[in-house]
Amino acid sequence: MKIPYYPFVLALCLGSATATLASDPTDPGFLKIPTIKAAPVLPAMSRADIAAGLKSHDRALYVKEGWIRDPYITLGPDDYYYLTGTTINQDDPREQTDPYNVGLGEISAVGDTVRLWRSQDLVDWEYRGVIFALALDSAFKANPGQRIWAPEIHWVPAMKRWALLHCPKQKSNLSLSAGPEPKGPWTHPMGTDFAGHHDPSLYHDGATWWILAENTTVRPLSADFARFTAAAKRIDPSGERTNALGRTTKFIGHEGATMIKVGSKYVHLGTAWSTDQGRKGSYNLYYCTSDKVDGTYGPRQFAGRFLGHGTPFQTRDGKWWCTAFFNANVPPLPRAGIETRDLSATAQTINQRGTTIVPLDVRLLADGTVYIRAKDPAYATPGPDEVQQFTR
């Protein structure tokens, strides 16, 4: 299968990357990567290539250029796809001058607003502007914070309103739109009591909405979102794993938890580095399943390489996709040979700076187990740097 991905420019990026590897967080080079002159940002794929890929559902599609982390896509009640995520502020010159800014530390380019785009076809994107700003819309009026991480918007049919969530946890907000459009004025059903949730997400099951956070706890909400109706409960996968430093963990990961349902099974998805060490290896997506939202979950399984903090979503035709983005200490790597390449030296990815969507194979097997795996070969295989050995 031929997958067009600008091999000449990517090879240049790899050449510049080799001199910038850093793996020790105390090393001043840990979060440094080349300037735009050393690693030019590639444009999104052509309209024709995206359209063809959406139909074939067999390859990753780089659908939109622009500085973003944690891209989140959902299909709204108006039949538009909506895109948001951790973004740089509108008109911040660093989007052009510091395109591979990783968003961490004092050099962070992460902004204090939620920006929104919409599309009818995942090809052409219309910018809808800033829909939420900390200074105006946060529940923390006196000291709203400086950055917005990992925002999501969820349509709440019973309210005919949108719910918006974001972190960091010290100033996390749960907000409701005034009407059926994803925009302010926003109200805060819990006020500042929603603080303390890292990477919060919402999941709707029957009449109950659940908050996922902390990678991962689940907690049910009242119908008006004004309070929790039960204590938080951890939903860790069964089993444990030990990394190269001897640290053993049973958590699914450390951030970016979401949930979907496949057949009668609840699928808990979470994010971790392949090495289970901070910013070393590839940023991946994993999952485990249960018969109940807050039930006992089975073993941790591999969903896709380079899909960390991705959002699984379905298109109108029922196909499953997952968002992906650039999260690395070096420029994007070439796809060629990536399946067998050890990336443990530092944070590395093949994703371009912008929003990529990757096709997922999501199905219920004959034995009743759920199978989820990226379909693009470059994302489908755990790398040699993967700390866990998977059974399938």
Protein backbone atom coordinates (compact mmCIF):
# COMPACT_ATOMS: atom_id res chain seq x y z
CA MET A 1 0.00 0.00 0.00
CA LYS A 2 1.46 3.32 -1.05
CA ILE A 3 1.00 6.11 1.50
CA PRO A 4 2.19 9.53 0.27
CA TYR A 5 4.04 11.34 3.03
CA TYR A 6 6.63 13.77 1.66
CA PRO A 7 9.65 11.47 2.16
CA PHE A 8 12.30 13.96 0.98
CA VAL A 9 11.49 16.67 3.50
CA LEU A 10 11.06 14.16 6.29
CA ALA A 11 14.50 12.77 5.62
CA LEU A 12 15.91 16.26 6.08
CA CYS A 13 14.09 16.53 9.40
CA LEU A 14 15.62 13.28 10.59
CA GLY A 15 19.08 14.52 9.76
CA SER A 16 18.64 17.61 11.91
CA ALA A 17 17.08 15.59 14.71
CA THR A 18 20.10 13.44 15.45
CA ALA A 19 22.02 16.32 16.99
CA THR A 20 19.22 17.32 19.37
CA LEU A 21 18.43 14.14 21.27
CA ALA A 22 18.05 14.62 25.01
CA SER A 23 16.60 12.22 27.55
CA ASP A 24 17.41 13.68 30.97
CA PRO A 25 14.81 16.23 32.22
CA THR A 26 17.62 18.11 34.01
CA ASP A 27 19.47 18.52 30.70
CA PRO A 28 18.86 22.03 29.24
CA GLY A 29 18.37 20.31 25.86
CA PHE A 30 15.52 18.11 27.11
CA LEU A 31 12.84 20.34 25.64
CA LYS A 32 14.87 21.90 22.84
CA ILE A 33 14.24 21.10 19.22
CA PRO A 34 15.39 22.80 15.99
CA THR A 35 13.92 26.02 14.72
CA ILE A 36 11.65 26.20 11.70
CA LYS A 37 14.73 26.79 9.53
CA ALA A 38 16.11 23.40 10.50
CA ALA A 39 12.76 21.56 10.41
CA PRO A 40 10.20 23.18 8.09
CA VAL A 41 6.54 22.57 8.91
CA LEU A 42 4.77 20.59 6.21
CA PRO A 43 1.38 21.63 4.87
CA ALA A 44 -1.62 19.36 5.41
CA MET A 45 -2.29 16.71 2.81
CA SER A 46 -4.16 17.68 -0.35
CA ARG A 47 -7.94 17.69 -0.43
CA ALA A 48 -7.87 14.80 -2.92
CA ASP A 49 -5.58 12.68 -0.73
CA ILE A 50 -7.68 13.30 2.38
CA ALA A 51 -10.91 12.50 0.56
CA ALA A 52 -9.45 9.29 -0.86
CA GLY A 53 -8.11 8.26 2.55
CA LEU A 54 -11.43 8.89 4.26
CA LYS A 55 -13.02 6.52 1.79
CA SER A 56 -10.36 3.80 1.95
CA HIS A 57 -9.97 3.99 5.76
CA ASP A 58 -6.48 2.47 5.62
CA ARG A 59 -3.96 5.27 6.24
CA ALA A 60 -3.21 8.19 8.53
CA LEU A 61 -4.45 11.53 7.23
CA TYR A 62 -2.77 14.81 8.10
CA VAL A 63 -5.95 16.88 7.80
CA LYS A 64 -5.07 20.25 9.29
CA GLU A 65 -1.89 22.24 9.89
CA GLY A 66 -1.53 24.46 12.96
CA TRP A 67 -0.08 24.28 16.48
CA ILE A 68 -2.21 21.95 18.56
CA ARG A 69 -1.88 19.23 21.19
CA ASP A 70 -4.53 16.79 22.41
CA PRO A 71 -6.80 17.32 19.37
CA TYR A 72 -10.41 16.45 20.06
CA ILE A 73 -13.00 15.84 17.32
CA THR A 74 -16.71 15.21 17.81
CA LEU A 75 -19.73 15.13 15.50
CA GLY A 76 -22.27 17.71 16.68
CA PRO A 77 -26.08 17.66 16.51
CA ASP A 78 -25.90 20.04 13.54
CA ASP A 79 -23.95 17.40 11.56
CA TYR A 80 -20.67 19.34 11.72
CA TYR A 81 -17.43 17.87 12.98
CA TYR A 82 -15.96 20.10 15.69
CA LEU A 83 -12.24 20.28 16.46
CA THR A 84 -10.59 21.78 19.51
CA GLY A 85 -7.58 20.96 21.68
CA THR A 86 -4.69 22.49 23.56
CA THR A 87 -3.83 25.46 21.36
CA ILE A 88 -1.61 28.48 21.13
CA ASN A 89 -3.42 31.81 21.46
CA GLN A 90 -4.74 33.38 18.30
CA ASP A 91 -2.13 35.60 16.59
CA ASP A 92 0.72 34.41 18.83
CA PRO A 93 3.77 34.78 16.52
CA ARG A 94 5.34 31.64 17.97
CA GLU A 95 2.99 29.55 15.85
CA GLN A 96 5.27 30.53 12.99
CA THR A 97 8.58 31.25 14.72
CA ASP A 98 8.55 28.34 17.21
CA PRO A 99 6.37 25.76 15.45
CA TYR A 100 7.62 22.70 17.36
CA ASN A 101 7.24 24.26 20.80
CA VAL A 102 6.34 21.29 23.03
CA GLY A 103 4.08 23.31 25.31
CA LEU A 104 5.99 22.44 28.49
CA GLY A 105 7.94 24.42 31.04
CA GLU A 106 8.74 28.13 30.93
CA ILE A 107 8.94 28.07 27.13
CA SER A 108 5.37 26.81 26.79
CA ALA A 109 3.28 28.28 23.98
CA VAL A 110 0.02 26.92 25.40
CA GLY A 111 -2.58 29.66 25.48
CA ASP A 112 -5.36 30.70 27.85
CA THR A 113 -8.23 30.22 25.41
CA VAL A 114 -10.28 27.46 23.80
CA ARG A 115 -10.34 27.79 20.02
CA LEU A 116 -12.74 25.93 17.75
CA TRP A 117 -12.95 24.77 14.13
CA ARG A 118 -15.71 22.94 12.32
CA SER A 119 -15.97 20.94 9.12
CA GLN A 120 -18.64 19.16 7.14
CA ASP A 121 -16.20 16.65 5.65
CA LEU A 122 -12.95 16.59 7.71
CA VAL A 123 -11.25 18.17 4.69
CA ASP A 124 -12.11 21.88 4.81
CA TRP A 125 -12.05 23.53 8.23
CA GLU A 126 -13.82 26.76 9.21
CA TYR A 127 -12.35 28.67 12.12
CA ARG A 128 -15.03 29.58 14.67
CA GLY A 129 -12.79 31.70 16.86
CA VAL A 130 -12.21 31.75 20.60
CA ILE A 131 -15.18 30.19 22.40
CA PHE A 132 -13.81 30.25 25.96
CA ALA A 133 -11.19 32.44 27.63
CA LEU A 134 -9.89 32.08 31.16
CA ALA A 135 -10.08 35.80 31.88
CA LEU A 136 -13.75 35.96 30.93
CA ASP A 137 -15.21 32.50 31.34
CA SER A 138 -13.45 30.60 34.12
CA ALA A 139 -15.20 29.80 37.39
CA PHE A 140 -12.03 31.05 39.09
CA LYS A 141 -12.73 34.75 38.64
CA ALA A 142 -10.05 36.18 40.91
CA ASN A 143 -7.20 34.01 39.67
CA PRO A 144 -8.23 32.02 36.57
CA GLY A 145 -4.77 30.69 35.70
CA GLN A 146 -2.62 31.16 32.62
CA ARG A 147 -3.13 28.11 30.41
CA ILE A 148 -5.87 25.81 29.15
CA TRP A 149 -4.95 22.17 28.59
CA ALA A 150 -6.89 19.41 26.84
CA PRO A 151 -10.31 21.03 26.38
CA GLU A 152 -13.19 18.87 25.20
CA ILE A 153 -16.76 19.77 24.23
CA HIS A 154 -19.66 17.33 24.59
CA TRP A 155 -23.21 17.75 23.34
CA VAL A 156 -25.73 17.06 26.15
CA PRO A 157 -29.02 16.15 24.42
CA ALA A 158 -31.23 16.40 27.51
CA MET A 159 -30.06 19.99 28.11
CA LYS A 160 -29.67 20.94 24.45
CA ARG A 161 -26.40 22.56 25.50
CA TRP A 162 -22.69 21.90 25.22
CA ALA A 163 -20.48 20.93 28.14
CA LEU A 164 -16.87 22.11 28.06
CA LEU A 165 -14.12 20.67 30.27
CA HIS A 166 -10.44 21.50 30.60
CA CYS A 167 -7.47 21.38 32.95
CA PRO A 168 -4.82 21.90 34.50
CA LYS A 169 -6.29 20.28 37.57
CA GLN A 170 -5.68 23.20 39.94
CA LYS A 171 -8.11 25.31 37.87
CA SER A 172 -10.11 22.65 36.00
CA ASN A 173 -13.51 23.84 34.77
CA LEU A 174 -16.79 22.13 33.90
CA SER A 175 -18.89 24.64 31.99
CA LEU A 176 -22.21 24.70 30.13
CA SER A 177 -23.08 26.80 27.10
CA ALA A 178 -26.09 29.10 27.18
CA GLY A 179 -27.73 27.40 24.22
CA PRO A 180 -27.27 24.92 21.37
CA GLU A 181 -24.12 26.51 19.97
CA PRO A 182 -20.66 25.81 21.44
CA LYS A 183 -19.99 29.31 22.72
CA GLY A 184 -20.50 31.54 25.75
CA PRO A 185 -21.76 32.87 27.96
CA TRP A 186 -20.77 29.86 30.05
CA THR A 187 -22.14 28.80 33.41
CA HIS A 188 -20.42 26.55 35.96
CA PRO A 189 -22.81 24.10 37.62
CA MET A 190 -20.20 23.10 40.23
CA GLY A 191 -18.46 26.46 40.46
CA THR A 192 -14.90 26.07 41.66
CA ASP A 193 -15.68 22.70 43.26
CA PHE A 194 -14.75 20.98 39.99
CA ALA A 195 -11.09 21.81 40.62
CA GLY A 196 -8.72 18.89 41.00
CA HIS A 197 -9.39 16.98 37.78
CA HIS A 198 -6.47 16.23 35.46
CA ASP A 199 -7.47 15.71 31.81
CA PRO A 200 -11.20 15.48 32.59
CA SER A 201 -13.47 13.83 30.05
CA LEU A 202 -17.19 13.04 29.88
CA TYR A 203 -18.86 9.75 29.01
CA HIS A 204 -22.61 9.28 28.56
CA ASP A 205 -24.23 5.93 29.40
CA GLY A 206 -28.01 5.81 29.36
CA ALA A 207 -29.29 8.57 31.62
CA THR A 208 -25.98 8.97 33.45
CA TRP A 209 -23.00 11.16 32.62
CA TRP A 210 -19.64 10.19 34.08
CA ILE A 211 -16.47 12.18 34.64
CA LEU A 212 -13.20 10.43 33.82
CA ALA A 213 -9.97 11.94 35.15
CA GLU A 214 -6.59 11.21 36.72
CA ASN A 215 -5.92 8.20 34.45
CA THR A 216 -8.19 6.99 35.66
CA THR A 217 -11.07 7.49 38.04
CA VAL A 218 -14.76 7.56 37.13
CA ARG A 219 -17.50 9.39 38.98
CA PRO A 220 -21.20 9.85 38.08
CA LEU A 221 -22.82 13.26 37.79
CA SER A 222 -26.28 14.46 38.73
CA ALA A 223 -28.60 15.24 35.83
CA ASP A 224 -27.91 18.98 36.13
CA PHE A 225 -24.11 18.46 36.47
CA ALA A 226 -24.22 20.37 39.76
CA ARG A 227 -22.82 17.58 41.93
CA PHE A 228 -21.35 14.12 41.96
CA THR A 229 -23.67 11.31 43.04
CA ALA A 230 -21.00 8.86 44.20
CA ALA A 231 -17.36 8.76 45.20
CA ALA A 232 -14.64 8.51 42.59
CA LYS A 233 -13.54 4.95 41.74
CA ARG A 234 -10.35 3.82 40.04
CA ILE A 235 -10.73 1.65 36.94
CA ASP A 236 -7.21 0.30 36.42
CA PRO A 237 -6.58 -2.63 34.07
CA SER A 238 -5.72 -6.00 35.57
CA GLY A 239 -2.06 -6.93 35.76
CA GLU A 240 1.03 -4.78 36.10
CA ARG A 241 4.28 -4.01 34.27
CA THR A 242 7.79 -2.92 35.23
CA ASN A 243 9.91 -0.42 33.29
CA ALA A 244 13.68 -0.37 32.77
CA LEU A 245 14.16 1.66 35.96
CA GLY A 246 12.42 -1.00 38.02
CA ARG A 247 9.23 0.98 38.57
CA THR A 248 6.12 -1.19 38.59
CA THR A 249 2.69 0.19 37.77
CA LYS A 250 -0.81 -1.11 37.15
CA PHE A 251 -2.24 2.16 35.79
CA ILE A 252 -3.27 2.26 32.14
CA GLY A 253 -1.09 5.35 31.71
CA HIS A 254 -0.74 8.84 33.10
CA GLU A 255 -3.12 11.06 31.13
CA GLY A 256 -5.64 11.43 28.30
CA ALA A 257 -8.32 8.97 29.46
CA THR A 258 -11.49 8.52 27.42
CA MET A 259 -14.23 5.91 27.07
CA ILE A 260 -16.26 4.36 24.26
CA LYS A 261 -18.64 1.40 24.06
CA VAL A 262 -18.24 -1.53 21.69
CA GLY A 263 -21.16 -3.93 21.77
CA SER A 264 -21.92 -4.39 25.45
CA LYS A 265 -18.33 -3.69 26.54
CA TYR A 266 -17.07 -0.45 28.06
CA VAL A 267 -13.66 0.47 26.66
CA HIS A 268 -11.36 2.56 28.83
CA LEU A 269 -8.57 4.21 26.82
CA GLY A 270 -5.50 5.88 28.29
CA THR A 271 -2.14 7.33 27.32
CA ALA A 272 1.44 6.46 28.26
CA TRP A 273 4.96 6.65 26.90
CA SER A 274 6.07 3.32 25.45
CA THR A 275 8.92 3.06 27.97
CA ASP A 276 6.78 4.10 30.97
CA GLN A 277 9.34 6.87 31.46
CA GLY A 278 8.57 10.56 30.98
CA ARG A 279 9.20 11.78 27.43
CA LYS A 280 11.09 8.70 26.29
CA GLY A 281 9.87 6.60 23.39
CA SER A 282 6.57 6.95 21.56
CA TYR A 283 3.40 8.49 23.00
CA ASN A 284 0.86 5.67 22.70
CA LEU A 285 -2.77 4.73 23.26
CA TYR A 286 -3.86 1.67 25.26
CA TYR A 287 -7.19 0.19 26.34
CA CYS A 288 -8.93 -2.27 28.63
CA THR A 289 -12.55 -3.40 28.84
CA SER A 290 -15.28 -4.11 31.38
CA ASP A 291 -18.97 -5.00 31.58
CA LYS A 292 -19.65 -1.84 33.63
CA VAL A 293 -18.36 1.74 33.52
CA ASP A 294 -17.10 1.41 37.09
CA GLY A 295 -16.57 -2.35 36.97
CA THR A 296 -13.54 -4.61 36.97
CA TYR A 297 -11.39 -4.12 33.88
CA GLY A 298 -9.37 -6.71 31.99
CA PRO A 299 -5.74 -6.62 30.79
CA ARG A 300 -4.17 -3.53 29.25
CA GLN A 301 -4.03 -3.84 25.45
CA PHE A 302 -2.27 -1.85 22.74
CA ALA A 303 -4.40 0.39 20.48
CA GLY A 304 -1.81 2.34 18.51
CA ARG A 305 1.66 3.84 18.45
CA PHE A 306 1.90 7.66 18.32
CA LEU A 307 -1.80 7.93 19.27
CA GLY A 308 -1.29 9.22 22.82
CA HIS A 309 -4.05 11.55 24.03
CA GLY A 310 -5.93 10.86 20.84
CA THR A 311 -9.72 10.98 20.64
CA PRO A 312 -11.48 7.97 19.12
CA PHE A 313 -14.48 9.17 17.13
CA GLN A 314 -16.85 7.84 14.47
CA THR A 315 -17.63 9.43 11.14
CA ARG A 316 -21.19 9.49 9.80
CA ASP A 317 -20.60 6.20 7.97
CA GLY A 318 -19.67 4.44 11.22
CA LYS A 319 -15.91 4.25 10.62
CA TRP A 320 -13.68 4.70 13.66
CA TRP A 321 -10.76 7.15 13.67
CA CYS A 322 -8.40 8.50 16.31
CA THR A 323 -6.81 11.93 16.44
CA ALA A 324 -3.02 12.24 16.68
CA PHE A 325 -0.53 15.10 17.00
CA PHE A 326 3.14 16.05 17.27
CA ASN A 327 4.53 15.35 20.75
CA ALA A 328 8.29 14.89 20.64
CA ASN A 329 11.64 16.42 21.50
CA VAL A 330 12.84 16.14 17.90
CA PRO A 331 11.18 16.92 14.57
CA PRO A 332 8.86 14.34 12.96
CA LEU A 333 10.62 11.16 11.87
CA PRO A 334 10.23 9.41 8.52
CA ARG A 335 7.70 6.59 8.35
CA ALA A 336 10.08 4.22 6.56
CA GLY A 337 11.24 1.48 8.91
CA ILE A 338 9.51 3.01 11.92
CA GLU A 339 7.90 -0.30 12.93
CA THR A 340 11.26 -1.76 13.98
CA ARG A 341 12.95 1.41 15.18
CA ASP A 342 13.79 1.77 18.87
CA LEU A 343 12.73 5.25 20.01
CA SER A 344 13.64 4.97 23.69
CA ALA A 345 16.37 7.65 23.66
CA THR A 346 13.90 10.54 23.80
CA ALA A 347 10.33 11.53 22.86
CA GLN A 348 9.83 10.84 19.14
CA THR A 349 6.94 10.68 16.66
CA ILE A 350 6.02 10.47 12.98
CA ASN A 351 3.10 12.89 13.44
CA GLN A 352 3.35 16.29 11.81
CA ARG A 353 2.71 19.56 13.63
CA GLY A 354 -1.07 19.78 13.32
CA THR A 355 -4.03 17.41 13.43
CA THR A 356 -3.76 13.89 12.05
CA ILE A 357 -6.51 11.28 12.08
CA VAL A 358 -5.66 7.58 12.04
CA PRO A 359 -8.11 4.80 11.05
CA LEU A 360 -8.97 2.28 13.75
CA ASP A 361 -10.10 -1.32 13.46
CA VAL A 362 -12.73 -1.54 16.20
CA ARG A 363 -14.71 -4.75 16.53
CA LEU A 364 -16.16 -7.35 18.83
CA LEU A 365 -14.50 -10.73 18.27
CA ALA A 366 -16.31 -14.08 18.21
CA ASP A 367 -15.21 -14.82 21.77
CA GLY A 368 -16.81 -11.59 23.00
CA THR A 369 -13.59 -9.63 23.47
CA VAL A 370 -13.02 -6.18 22.02
CA TYR A 371 -10.26 -5.64 19.45
CA ILE A 372 -8.96 -2.12 18.74
CA ARG A 373 -5.91 -1.43 16.60
CA ALA A 374 -4.67 1.34 14.30
CA LYS A 375 -4.97 0.22 10.66
CA ASP A 376 -2.07 2.23 9.26
CA PRO A 377 1.01 -0.06 9.55
CA ALA A 378 3.20 2.73 10.93
CA TYR A 379 0.86 3.06 13.92
CA ALA A 380 -0.28 -0.55 14.29
CA THR A 381 2.82 -2.18 15.77
CA PRO A 382 4.27 -1.72 19.26
CA GLY A 383 7.90 -0.67 18.83
CA PRO A 384 10.94 -2.41 20.27
CA ASP A 385 10.97 0.30 22.96
CA GLU A 386 7.57 -0.90 24.27
CA VAL A 387 7.87 -1.94 27.93
CA GLN A 388 4.87 -4.29 27.84
CA GLN A 389 4.60 -7.53 25.90
CA PHE A 390 1.14 -7.91 24.43
CA THR A 391 -0.72 -11.15 23.74
CA ARG A 392 -2.25 -9.86 20.52
